[in-house]
PDB file of N, CA and C in Angstrom:
ATOM      1  N   UNK A   1      -0.586  11.293  26.472  1.00  0.00           N
ATOM      2  CA  UNK A   1      -1.216  11.099  27.752  1.00  0.00           C
ATOM      3  C   UNK A   1      -0.323  10.298  28.694  1.00  0.00           C
ATOM      4  N   UNK A   2       0.957  10.471  28.633  1.00  0.00           N
ATOM      5  CA  UNK A   2       1.851   9.643  29.418  1.00  0.00           C
ATOM      6  C   UNK A   2       1.873  10.007  30.898  1.00  0.00           C
ATOM      7  N   UNK A   3       1.699  11.277  31.260  1.00  0.00           N
ATOM      8  CA  UNK A   3       1.646  11.617  32.670  1.00  0.00           C
ATOM      9  C   UNK A   3       0.248  12.117  33.016  1.00  0.00           C
ATOM     10  N   UNK A   4      -0.033  12.252  34.315  1.00  0.00           N
ATOM     11  CA  UNK A   4      -1.378  12.624  34.760  1.00  0.00           C
ATOM     12  C   UNK A   4      -1.725  14.047  34.324  1.00  0.00           C
ATOM     13  N   UNK A   5      -2.866  14.182  33.691  1.00  0.00           N
ATOM     14  CA  UNK A   5      -3.398  15.490  33.342  1.00  0.00           C
ATOM     15  C   UNK A   5      -4.910  15.435  33.516  1.00  0.00           C
ATOM     16  N   UNK A   6      -5.505  16.606  33.752  1.00  0.00           N
ATOM     17  CA  UNK A   6      -6.959  16.661  33.862  1.00  0.00           C
ATOM     18  C   UNK A   6      -7.518  16.740  32.452  1.00  0.00           C
ATOM     19  N   UNK A   7      -8.298  15.723  32.093  1.00  0.00           N
ATOM     20  CA  UNK A   7      -8.878  15.628  30.763  1.00  0.00           C
ATOM     21  C   UNK A   7     -10.297  15.098  30.862  1.00  0.00           C
ATOM     22  N   UNK A   8     -11.030  15.236  29.769  1.00  0.00           N
ATOM     23  CA  UNK A   8     -12.369  14.673  29.666  1.00  0.00           C
ATOM     24  C   UNK A   8     -12.285  13.435  28.790  1.00  0.00           C
ATOM     25  N   UNK A   9     -12.854  12.347  29.282  1.00  0.00           N
ATOM     26  CA  UNK A   9     -12.911  11.103  28.526  1.00  0.00           C
ATOM     27  C   UNK A   9     -14.361  10.901  28.107  1.00  0.00           C
ATOM     28  N   UNK A  10     -14.601  10.784  26.799  1.00  0.00           N
ATOM     29  CA  UNK A  10     -15.948  10.490  26.304  1.00  0.00           C
ATOM     30  C   UNK A  10     -16.028   8.992  26.084  1.00  0.00           C
ATOM     31  N   UNK A  11     -16.971   8.370  26.780  1.00  0.00           N
ATOM     32  CA  UNK A  11     -17.137   6.931  26.679  1.00  0.00           C
ATOM     33  C   UNK A  11     -18.037   6.580  25.496  1.00  0.00           C
ATOM     34  N   UNK A  12     -17.962   5.349  25.030  1.00  0.00           N
ATOM     35  CA  UNK A  12     -18.812   4.938  23.911  1.00  0.00           C
ATOM     36  C   UNK A  12     -20.285   4.959  24.307  1.00  0.00           C
ATOM     37  N   UNK A  13     -20.572   4.973  25.610  1.00  0.00           N
ATOM     38  CA  UNK A  13     -21.953   5.078  26.104  1.00  0.00           C
ATOM     39  C   UNK A  13     -22.489   6.506  25.979  1.00  0.00           C
ATOM     40  N   UNK A  14     -21.585   7.478  25.702  1.00  0.00           N
ATOM     41  CA  UNK A  14     -21.975   8.875  25.587  1.00  0.00           C
ATOM     42  C   UNK A  14     -21.631   9.698  26.810  1.00  0.00           C
ATOM     43  N   UNK A  15     -21.343   9.049  27.932  1.00  0.00           N
ATOM     44  CA  UNK A  15     -20.976   9.783  29.143  1.00  0.00           C
ATOM     45  C   UNK A  15     -19.648  10.502  28.934  1.00  0.00           C
ATOM     46  N   UNK A  16     -19.527  11.678  29.544  1.00  0.00           N
ATOM     47  CA  UNK A  16     -18.276  12.428  29.532  1.00  0.00           C
ATOM     48  C   UNK A  16     -17.787  12.540  30.962  1.00  0.00           C
ATOM     49  N   UNK A  17     -16.571  12.041  31.196  1.00  0.00           N
ATOM     50  CA  UNK A  17     -16.007  11.962  32.535  1.00  0.00           C
ATOM     51  C   UNK A  17     -14.746  12.817  32.584  1.00  0.00           C
ATOM     52  N   UNK A  18     -14.658  13.689  33.600  1.00  0.00           N
ATOM     53  CA  UNK A  18     -13.458  14.499  33.789  1.00  0.00           C
ATOM     54  C   UNK A  18     -12.700  13.960  34.993  1.00  0.00           C
ATOM     55  N   UNK A  19     -11.398  14.012  34.915  1.00  0.00           N
ATOM     56  CA  UNK A  19     -10.581  13.563  36.032  1.00  0.00           C
ATOM     57  C   UNK A  19      -9.113  13.617  35.679  1.00  0.00           C
ATOM     58  N   UNK A  20      -8.312  13.197  36.618  1.00  0.00           N
ATOM     59  CA  UNK A  20      -6.882  13.100  36.400  1.00  0.00           C
ATOM     60  C   UNK A  20      -6.637  11.776  35.671  1.00  0.00           C
ATOM     61  N   UNK A  21      -6.188  11.875  34.434  1.00  0.00           N
ATOM     62  CA  UNK A  21      -6.100  10.725  33.527  1.00  0.00           C
ATOM     63  C   UNK A  21      -4.653  10.243  33.427  1.00  0.00           C
ATOM     64  N   UNK A  22      -4.513   8.924  33.431  1.00  0.00           N
ATOM     65  CA  UNK A  22      -3.187   8.329  33.313  1.00  0.00           C
ATOM     66  C   UNK A  22      -3.289   7.020  32.531  1.00  0.00           C
ATOM     67  N   UNK A  23      -2.403   6.838  31.560  1.00  0.00           N
ATOM     68  CA  UNK A  23      -2.311   5.565  30.828  1.00  0.00           C
ATOM     69  C   UNK A  23      -1.482   4.592  31.653  1.00  0.00           C
ATOM     70  N   UNK A  24      -2.022   3.407  31.881  1.00  0.00           N
ATOM     71  CA  UNK A  24      -1.261   2.373  32.583  1.00  0.00           C
ATOM     72  C   UNK A  24      -1.508   1.042  31.897  1.00  0.00           C
ATOM     73  N   UNK A  25      -0.820   0.013  32.369  1.00  0.00           N
ATOM     74  CA  UNK A  25      -1.053  -1.347  31.882  1.00  0.00           C
ATOM     75  C   UNK A  25      -1.394  -2.238  33.056  1.00  0.00           C
ATOM     76  N   UNK A  26      -2.385  -3.091  32.862  1.00  0.00           N
ATOM     77  CA  UNK A  26      -2.729  -4.107  33.853  1.00  0.00           C
ATOM     78  C   UNK A  26      -2.690  -5.447  33.137  1.00  0.00           C
ATOM     79  N   UNK A  27      -1.830  -6.322  33.607  1.00  0.00           N
ATOM     80  CA  UNK A  27      -1.619  -7.626  32.989  1.00  0.00           C
ATOM     81  C   UNK A  27      -1.321  -7.498  31.497  1.00  0.00           C
ATOM     82  N   UNK A  28      -0.511  -6.500  31.159  1.00  0.00           N
ATOM     83  CA  UNK A  28      -0.085  -6.299  29.780  1.00  0.00           C
ATOM     84  C   UNK A  28      -1.110  -5.639  28.871  1.00  0.00           C
ATOM     85  N   UNK A  29      -2.252  -5.218  29.412  1.00  0.00           N
ATOM     86  CA  UNK A  29      -3.304  -4.588  28.600  1.00  0.00           C
ATOM     87  C   UNK A  29      -3.398  -3.106  28.932  1.00  0.00           C
ATOM     88  N   UNK A  30      -3.530  -2.257  27.893  1.00  0.00           N
ATOM     89  CA  UNK A  30      -3.633  -0.820  28.154  1.00  0.00           C
ATOM     90  C   UNK A  30      -4.956  -0.469  28.838  1.00  0.00           C
ATOM     91  N   UNK A  31      -4.847   0.362  29.865  1.00  0.00           N
ATOM     92  CA  UNK A  31      -5.997   0.785  30.652  1.00  0.00           C
ATOM     93  C   UNK A  31      -5.854   2.272  30.932  1.00  0.00           C
ATOM     94  N   UNK A  32      -6.976   2.961  31.036  1.00  0.00           N
ATOM     95  CA  UNK A  32      -6.968   4.367  31.410  1.00  0.00           C
ATOM     96  C   UNK A  32      -7.428   4.460  32.852  1.00  0.00           C
ATOM     97  N   UNK A  33      -6.592   5.064  33.685  1.00  0.00           N
ATOM     98  CA  UNK A  33      -6.924   5.257  35.096  1.00  0.00           C
ATOM     99  C   UNK A  33      -7.433   6.684  35.268  1.00  0.00           C
ATOM    100  N   UNK A  34      -8.595   6.832  35.914  1.00  0.00           N
ATOM    101  CA  UNK A  34      -9.150   8.156  36.195  1.00  0.00           C
ATOM    102  C   UNK A  34      -9.225   8.314  37.707  1.00  0.00           C
ATOM    103  N   UNK A  35      -8.500   9.289  38.212  1.00  0.00           N
ATOM    104  CA  UNK A  35      -8.522   9.600  39.633  1.00  0.00           C
ATOM    105  C   UNK A  35      -9.493  10.746  39.870  1.00  0.00           C
ATOM    106  N   UNK A  36     -10.295  10.649  40.912  1.00  0.00           N
ATOM    107  CA  UNK A  36     -11.330  11.628  41.270  1.00  0.00           C
ATOM    108  C   UNK A  36     -12.263  11.917  40.084  1.00  0.00           C
ATOM    109  N   UNK A  37     -12.881  10.880  39.517  1.00  0.00           N
ATOM    110  CA  UNK A  37     -13.729  11.092  38.339  1.00  0.00           C
ATOM    111  C   UNK A  37     -15.020  11.842  38.669  1.00  0.00           C
ATOM    112  N   UNK A  38     -15.403  12.716  37.752  1.00  0.00           N
ATOM    113  CA  UNK A  38     -16.678  13.430  37.847  1.00  0.00           C
ATOM    114  C   UNK A  38     -17.344  13.375  36.481  1.00  0.00           C
ATOM    115  N   UNK A  39     -18.663  13.237  36.476  1.00  0.00           N
ATOM    116  CA  UNK A  39     -19.390  13.220  35.211  1.00  0.00           C
ATOM    117  C   UNK A  39     -19.733  14.650  34.822  1.00  0.00           C
ATOM    118  N   UNK A  40     -19.627  14.941  33.543  1.00  0.00           N
ATOM    119  CA  UNK A  40     -19.958  16.265  33.006  1.00  0.00           C
ATOM    120  C   UNK A  40     -21.413  16.198  32.542  1.00  0.00           C
ATOM    121  N   UNK A  41     -22.241  17.084  33.087  1.00  0.00           N
ATOM    122  CA  UNK A  41     -23.665  17.096  32.770  1.00  0.00           C
ATOM    123  C   UNK A  41     -24.072  18.439  32.183  1.00  0.00           C
ATOM    124  N   UNK A  42     -24.998  18.416  31.241  1.00  0.00           N
ATOM    125  CA  UNK A  42     -25.606  19.648  30.743  1.00  0.00           C
ATOM    126  C   UNK A  42     -26.934  19.807  31.455  1.00  0.00           C
ATOM    127  N   UNK A  43     -27.101  20.931  32.122  1.00  0.00           N
ATOM    128  CA  UNK A  43     -28.307  21.200  32.903  1.00  0.00           C
ATOM    129  C   UNK A  43     -28.921  22.514  32.422  1.00  0.00           C
ATOM    130  N   UNK A  44     -30.252  22.631  32.445  1.00  0.00           N
ATOM    131  CA  UNK A  44     -30.866  23.907  32.086  1.00  0.00           C
ATOM    132  C   UNK A  44     -30.555  24.961  33.150  1.00  0.00           C
ATOM    133  N   UNK A  45     -30.357  26.190  32.695  1.00  0.00           N
ATOM    134  CA  UNK A  45     -30.129  27.284  33.633  1.00  0.00           C
ATOM    135  C   UNK A  45     -31.418  27.570  34.387  1.00  0.00           C
ATOM    136  N   UNK A  46     -31.284  27.913  35.671  1.00  0.00           N
ATOM    137  CA  UNK A  46     -32.463  28.185  36.486  1.00  0.00           C
ATOM    138  C   UNK A  46     -33.237  29.397  35.986  1.00  0.00           C
ATOM    139  N   UNK A  47     -32.508  30.436  35.571  1.00  0.00           N
ATOM    140  CA  UNK A  47     -33.171  31.662  35.135  1.00  0.00           C
ATOM    141  C   UNK A  47     -33.648  31.612  33.687  1.00  0.00           C
ATOM    142  N   UNK A  48     -33.129  30.659  32.903  1.00  0.00           N
ATOM    143  CA  UNK A  48     -33.548  30.515  31.512  1.00  0.00           C
ATOM    144  C   UNK A  48     -33.434  29.042  31.112  1.00  0.00           C
ATOM    145  N   UNK A  49     -34.511  28.276  31.265  1.00  0.00           N
ATOM    146  CA  UNK A  49     -34.457  26.837  30.972  1.00  0.00           C
ATOM    147  C   UNK A  49     -34.138  26.493  29.522  1.00  0.00           C
ATOM    148  N   UNK A  50     -34.195  27.486  28.626  1.00  0.00           N
ATOM    149  CA  UNK A  50     -33.863  27.237  27.223  1.00  0.00           C
ATOM    150  C   UNK A  50     -32.361  27.246  26.976  1.00  0.00           C
ATOM    151  N   UNK A  51     -31.581  27.673  27.976  1.00  0.00           N
ATOM    152  CA  UNK A  51     -30.121  27.689  27.870  1.00  0.00           C
ATOM    153  C   UNK A  51     -29.548  26.622  28.791  1.00  0.00           C
ATOM    154  N   UNK A  52     -28.403  26.075  28.392  1.00  0.00           N
ATOM    155  CA  UNK A  52     -27.772  25.012  29.184  1.00  0.00           C
ATOM    156  C   UNK A  52     -26.529  25.536  29.894  1.00  0.00           C
ATOM    157  N   UNK A  53     -26.220  24.888  30.993  1.00  0.00           N
ATOM    158  CA  UNK A  53     -24.973  25.154  31.701  1.00  0.00           C
ATOM    159  C   UNK A  53     -24.336  23.817  32.039  1.00  0.00           C
ATOM    160  N   UNK A  54     -23.051  23.836  32.281  1.00  0.00           N
ATOM    161  CA  UNK A  54     -22.329  22.608  32.603  1.00  0.00           C
ATOM    162  C   UNK A  54     -22.316  22.413  34.112  1.00  0.00           C
ATOM    163  N   UNK A  55     -22.564  21.187  34.538  1.00  0.00           N
ATOM    164  CA  UNK A  55     -22.487  20.826  35.956  1.00  0.00           C
ATOM    165  C   UNK A  55     -21.595  19.591  36.075  1.00  0.00           C
ATOM    166  N   UNK A  56     -20.937  19.469  37.202  1.00  0.00           N
ATOM    167  CA  UNK A  56     -20.094  18.305  37.478  1.00  0.00           C
ATOM    168  C   UNK A  56     -20.649  17.584  38.692  1.00  0.00           C
ATOM    169  N   UNK A  57     -20.666  16.263  38.632  1.00  0.00           N
ATOM    170  CA  UNK A  57     -21.142  15.452  39.751  1.00  0.00           C
ATOM    171  C   UNK A  57     -20.203  14.257  39.902  1.00  0.00           C
ATOM    172  N   UNK A  58     -20.049  13.750  41.115  1.00  0.00           N
ATOM    173  CA  UNK A  58     -19.181  12.579  41.303  1.00  0.00           C
ATOM    174  C   UNK A  58     -19.635  11.419  40.407  1.00  0.00           C
ATOM    175  N   UNK A  59     -18.672  10.737  39.829  1.00  0.00           N
ATOM    176  CA  UNK A  59     -18.957   9.560  39.007  1.00  0.00           C
ATOM    177  C   UNK A  59     -18.388   8.363  39.747  1.00  0.00           C
ATOM    178  N   UNK A  60     -19.188   7.366  39.972  1.00  0.00           N
ATOM    179  CA  UNK A  60     -18.830   6.187  40.758  1.00  0.00           C
ATOM    180  C   UNK A  60     -18.316   6.645  42.140  1.00  0.00           C
ATOM    181  N   UNK A  61     -19.168   7.369  42.891  1.00  0.00           N
ATOM    182  CA  UNK A  61     -18.727   7.933  44.168  1.00  0.00           C
ATOM    183  C   UNK A  61     -18.370   6.889  45.234  1.00  0.00           C
ATOM    184  N   UNK A  62     -18.768   5.656  45.023  1.00  0.00           N
ATOM    185  CA  UNK A  62     -18.476   4.593  45.979  1.00  0.00           C
ATOM    186  C   UNK A  62     -17.146   3.899  45.698  1.00  0.00           C
ATOM    187  N   UNK A  63     -16.416   4.379  44.679  1.00  0.00           N
ATOM    188  CA  UNK A  63     -15.126   3.769  44.331  1.00  0.00           C
ATOM    189  C   UNK A  63     -14.052   4.153  45.343  1.00  0.00           C
ATOM    190  N   UNK A  64     -13.061   3.314  45.466  1.00  0.00           N
ATOM    191  CA  UNK A  64     -11.908   3.563  46.323  1.00  0.00           C
ATOM    192  C   UNK A  64     -11.182   4.819  45.836  1.00  0.00           C
ATOM    193  N   UNK A  65     -10.462   5.455  46.732  1.00  0.00           N
ATOM    194  CA  UNK A  65      -9.698   6.658  46.384  1.00  0.00           C
ATOM    195  C   UNK A  65      -8.652   6.389  45.302  1.00  0.00           C
ATOM    196  N   UNK A  66      -8.341   5.134  45.029  1.00  0.00           N
ATOM    197  CA  UNK A  66      -7.326   4.785  44.042  1.00  0.00           C
ATOM    198  C   UNK A  66      -7.723   5.084  42.613  1.00  0.00           C
ATOM    199  N   UNK A  67      -8.990   5.350  42.365  1.00  0.00           N
ATOM    200  CA  UNK A  67      -9.430   5.702  41.032  1.00  0.00           C
ATOM    201  C   UNK A  67     -10.270   4.624  40.373  1.00  0.00           C
ATOM    202  N   UNK A  68     -10.654   4.918  39.140  1.00  0.00           N
ATOM    203  CA  UNK A  68     -11.474   4.027  38.327  1.00  0.00           C
ATOM    204  C   UNK A  68     -10.650   3.654  37.096  1.00  0.00           C
ATOM    205  N   UNK A  69     -10.751   2.409  36.670  1.00  0.00           N
ATOM    206  CA  UNK A  69      -9.976   1.930  35.527  1.00  0.00           C
ATOM    207  C   UNK A  69     -10.923   1.634  34.369  1.00  0.00           C
ATOM    208  N   UNK A  70     -10.593   2.163  33.194  1.00  0.00           N
ATOM    209  CA  UNK A  70     -11.401   1.957  31.993  1.00  0.00           C
ATOM    210  C   UNK A  70     -10.602   1.181  30.960  1.00  0.00           C
ATOM    211  N   UNK A  71     -11.256   0.240  30.330  1.00  0.00           N
ATOM    212  CA  UNK A  71     -10.631  -0.444  29.205  1.00  0.00           C
ATOM    213  C   UNK A  71     -10.597   0.544  28.040  1.00  0.00           C
ATOM    214  N   UNK A  72      -9.531   0.535  27.295  1.00  0.00           N
ATOM    215  CA  UNK A  72      -9.343   1.489  26.203  1.00  0.00           C
ATOM    216  C   UNK A  72     -10.475   1.419  25.181  1.00  0.00           C
ATOM    217  N   UNK A  73     -11.010   0.228  24.925  1.00  0.00           N
ATOM    218  CA  UNK A  73     -12.068   0.093  23.911  1.00  0.00           C
ATOM    219  C   UNK A  73     -13.390   0.735  24.352  1.00  0.00           C
ATOM    220  N   UNK A  74     -13.510   1.144  25.624  1.00  0.00           N
ATOM    221  CA  UNK A  74     -14.727   1.812  26.113  1.00  0.00           C
ATOM    222  C   UNK A  74     -14.692   3.322  25.879  1.00  0.00           C
ATOM    223  N   UNK A  75     -13.571   3.819  25.362  1.00  0.00           N
ATOM    224  CA  UNK A  75     -13.370   5.259  25.183  1.00  0.00           C
ATOM    225  C   UNK A  75     -13.489   5.625  23.708  1.00  0.00           C
ATOM    226  N   UNK A  76     -14.295   6.661  23.419  1.00  0.00           N
ATOM    227  CA  UNK A  76     -14.408   7.111  22.024  1.00  0.00           C
ATOM    228  C   UNK A  76     -13.587   8.363  21.755  1.00  0.00           C
ATOM    229  N   UNK A  77     -13.282   9.156  22.801  1.00  0.00           N
ATOM    230  CA  UNK A  77     -12.490  10.371  22.606  1.00  0.00           C
ATOM    231  C   UNK A  77     -11.892  10.825  23.929  1.00  0.00           C
ATOM    232  N   UNK A  78     -10.779  11.542  23.834  1.00  0.00           N
ATOM    233  CA  UNK A  78     -10.153  12.175  24.992  1.00  0.00           C
ATOM    234  C   UNK A  78      -9.984  13.644  24.633  1.00  0.00           C
ATOM    235  N   UNK A  79     -10.464  14.520  25.512  1.00  0.00           N
ATOM    236  CA  UNK A  79     -10.570  15.943  25.198  1.00  0.00           C
ATOM    237  C   UNK A  79      -9.842  16.760  26.262  1.00  0.00           C
ATOM    238  N   UNK A  80      -9.115  17.783  25.829  1.00  0.00           N
ATOM    239  CA  UNK A  80      -8.523  18.747  26.751  1.00  0.00           C
ATOM    240  C   UNK A  80      -9.600  19.783  27.060  1.00  0.00           C
ATOM    241  N   UNK A  81     -10.058  19.868  28.304  1.00  0.00           N
ATOM    242  CA  UNK A  81     -11.131  20.802  28.642  1.00  0.00           C
ATOM    243  C   UNK A  81     -10.636  22.248  28.713  1.00  0.00           C
ATOM    244  N   UNK A  82     -11.579  23.180  28.591  1.00  0.00           N
ATOM    245  CA  UNK A  82     -11.268  24.596  28.733  1.00  0.00           C
ATOM    246  C   UNK A  82     -10.821  24.879  30.166  1.00  0.00           C
ATOM    247  N   UNK A  83     -10.066  25.953  30.325  1.00  0.00           N
ATOM    248  CA  UNK A  83      -9.495  26.299  31.631  1.00  0.00           C
ATOM    249  C   UNK A  83     -10.552  26.481  32.709  1.00  0.00           C
ATOM    250  N   UNK A  84     -11.700  27.078  32.376  1.00  0.00           N
ATOM    251  CA  UNK A  84     -12.719  27.300  33.402  1.00  0.00           C
ATOM    252  C   UNK A  84     -13.300  25.980  33.913  1.00  0.00           C
ATOM    253  N   UNK A  85     -13.378  24.979  33.051  1.00  0.00           N
ATOM    254  CA  UNK A  85     -13.865  23.659  33.469  1.00  0.00           C
ATOM    255  C   UNK A  85     -12.825  22.998  34.384  1.00  0.00           C
ATOM    256  N   UNK A  86     -11.561  23.091  34.015  1.00  0.00           N
ATOM    257  CA  UNK A  86     -10.487  22.530  34.844  1.00  0.00           C
ATOM    258  C   UNK A  86     -10.475  23.221  36.206  1.00  0.00           C
ATOM    259  N   UNK A  87     -10.625  24.540  36.221  1.00  0.00           N
ATOM    260  CA  UNK A  87     -10.630  25.276  37.487  1.00  0.00           C
ATOM    261  C   UNK A  87     -11.786  24.844  38.382  1.00  0.00           C
ATOM    262  N   UNK A  88     -12.970  24.669  37.810  1.00  0.00           N
ATOM    263  CA  UNK A  88     -14.131  24.244  38.593  1.00  0.00           C
ATOM    264  C   UNK A  88     -13.942  22.817  39.099  1.00  0.00           C
ATOM    265  N   UNK A  89     -13.437  21.941  38.240  1.00  0.00           N
ATOM    266  CA  UNK A  89     -13.160  20.565  38.652  1.00  0.00           C
ATOM    267  C   UNK A  89     -12.161  20.550  39.815  1.00  0.00           C
ATOM    268  N   UNK A  90     -11.098  21.335  39.685  1.00  0.00           N
ATOM    269  CA  UNK A  90     -10.082  21.402  40.737  1.00  0.00           C
ATOM    270  C   UNK A  90     -10.686  21.934  42.031  1.00  0.00           C
ATOM    271  N   UNK A  91     -11.552  22.919  41.924  1.00  0.00           N
ATOM    272  CA  UNK A  91     -12.185  23.505  43.107  1.00  0.00           C
ATOM    273  C   UNK A  91     -13.041  22.470  43.845  1.00  0.00           C
ATOM    274  N   UNK A  92     -13.847  21.716  43.094  1.00  0.00           N
ATOM    275  CA  UNK A  92     -14.767  20.790  43.765  1.00  0.00           C
ATOM    276  C   UNK A  92     -14.087  19.503  44.235  1.00  0.00           C
ATOM    277  N   UNK A  93     -12.938  19.165  43.684  1.00  0.00           N
ATOM    278  CA  UNK A  93     -12.264  17.931  44.092  1.00  0.00           C
ATOM    279  C   UNK A  93     -11.116  18.178  45.060  1.00  0.00           C
ATOM    280  N   UNK A  94     -10.825  19.433  45.329  1.00  0.00           N
ATOM    281  CA  UNK A  94      -9.724  19.768  46.220  1.00  0.00           C
ATOM    282  C   UNK A  94     -10.217  19.886  47.656  1.00  0.00           C
ATOM    283  N   UNK A  95      -9.380  19.489  48.588  1.00  0.00           N
ATOM    284  CA  UNK A  95      -9.731  19.666  49.992  1.00  0.00           C
ATOM    285  C   UNK A  95      -9.302  21.040  50.490  1.00  0.00           C
ATOM    286  N   UNK A  96      -8.627  21.792  49.621  1.00  0.00           N
ATOM    287  CA  UNK A  96      -8.198  23.148  49.965  1.00  0.00           C
ATOM    288  C   UNK A  96      -9.300  24.111  49.572  1.00  0.00           C
ATOM    289  N   UNK A  97      -9.687  24.974  50.474  1.00  0.00           N
ATOM    290  CA  UNK A  97     -10.714  25.967  50.173  1.00  0.00           C
ATOM    291  C   UNK A  97     -10.066  27.094  49.389  1.00  0.00           C
ATOM    292  N   UNK A  98     -10.581  27.331  48.178  1.00  0.00           N
ATOM    293  CA  UNK A  98     -10.027  28.366  47.326  1.00  0.00           C
ATOM    294  C   UNK A  98     -10.958  29.582  47.331  1.00  0.00           C
ATOM    295  N   UNK A  99     -10.377  30.790  47.466  1.00  0.00           N
ATOM    296  CA  UNK A  99     -11.220  31.986  47.492  1.00  0.00           C
ATOM    297  C   UNK A  99     -11.813  32.283  46.130  1.00  0.00           C
ATOM    298  N   UNK A 100     -12.953  32.988  46.142  1.00  0.00           N
ATOM    299  CA  UNK A 100     -13.542  33.460  44.887  1.00  0.00           C
ATOM    300  C   UNK A 100     -12.582  34.468  44.279  1.00  0.00           C
ATOM    301  N   UNK A 101     -12.644  34.615  42.977  1.00  0.00           N
ATOM    302  CA  UNK A 101     -11.767  35.553  42.289  1.00  0.00           C
ATOM    303  C   UNK A 101     -12.435  36.897  42.105  1.00  0.00           C
ATOM    304  N   UNK A 102     -13.261  37.303  43.082  1.00  0.00           N
ATOM    305  CA  UNK A 102     -13.929  38.575  43.008  1.00  0.00           C
ATOM    306  C   UNK A 102     -13.040  39.657  43.601  1.00  0.00           C
ATOM    307  N   UNK A 103     -13.107  40.834  43.038  1.00  0.00           N
ATOM    308  CA  UNK A 103     -12.361  41.972  43.554  1.00  0.00           C
ATOM    309  C   UNK A 103     -13.229  42.679  44.584  1.00  0.00           C
ATOM    310  N   UNK A 104     -12.692  42.847  45.759  1.00  0.00           N
ATOM    311  CA  UNK A 104     -13.409  43.529  46.828  1.00  0.00           C
ATOM    312  C   UNK A 104     -13.002  44.993  46.804  1.00  0.00           C
ATOM    313  N   UNK A 105     -13.995  45.879  46.768  1.00  0.00           N
ATOM    314  CA  UNK A 105     -13.671  47.316  46.746  1.00  0.00           C
ATOM    315  C   UNK A 105     -14.178  48.005  47.982  1.00  0.00           C
TER     316      UNK A 105
END
């Protein structure tokens, strides 16, 4: 995790946070910096409440653009998310409007 990558951090509280992750040190202590953090939520599907879908929502939306810093002991796992999750995260956190990947006939 030496350079910035989009990953999911599972906290010991159970929350799963996706963002651009970077290992840094503050006052000689290891810290994980998350830029543009979003919480990963499981929500029931509207058409079938017995099935779940993944939703992303801003996490600590009142934080400065510089990111959120986590102490390493607050993290239980770091996960490489599937490509579709990374694509959705990138879409919602980007200021660039990205077209749908639908084929127009």
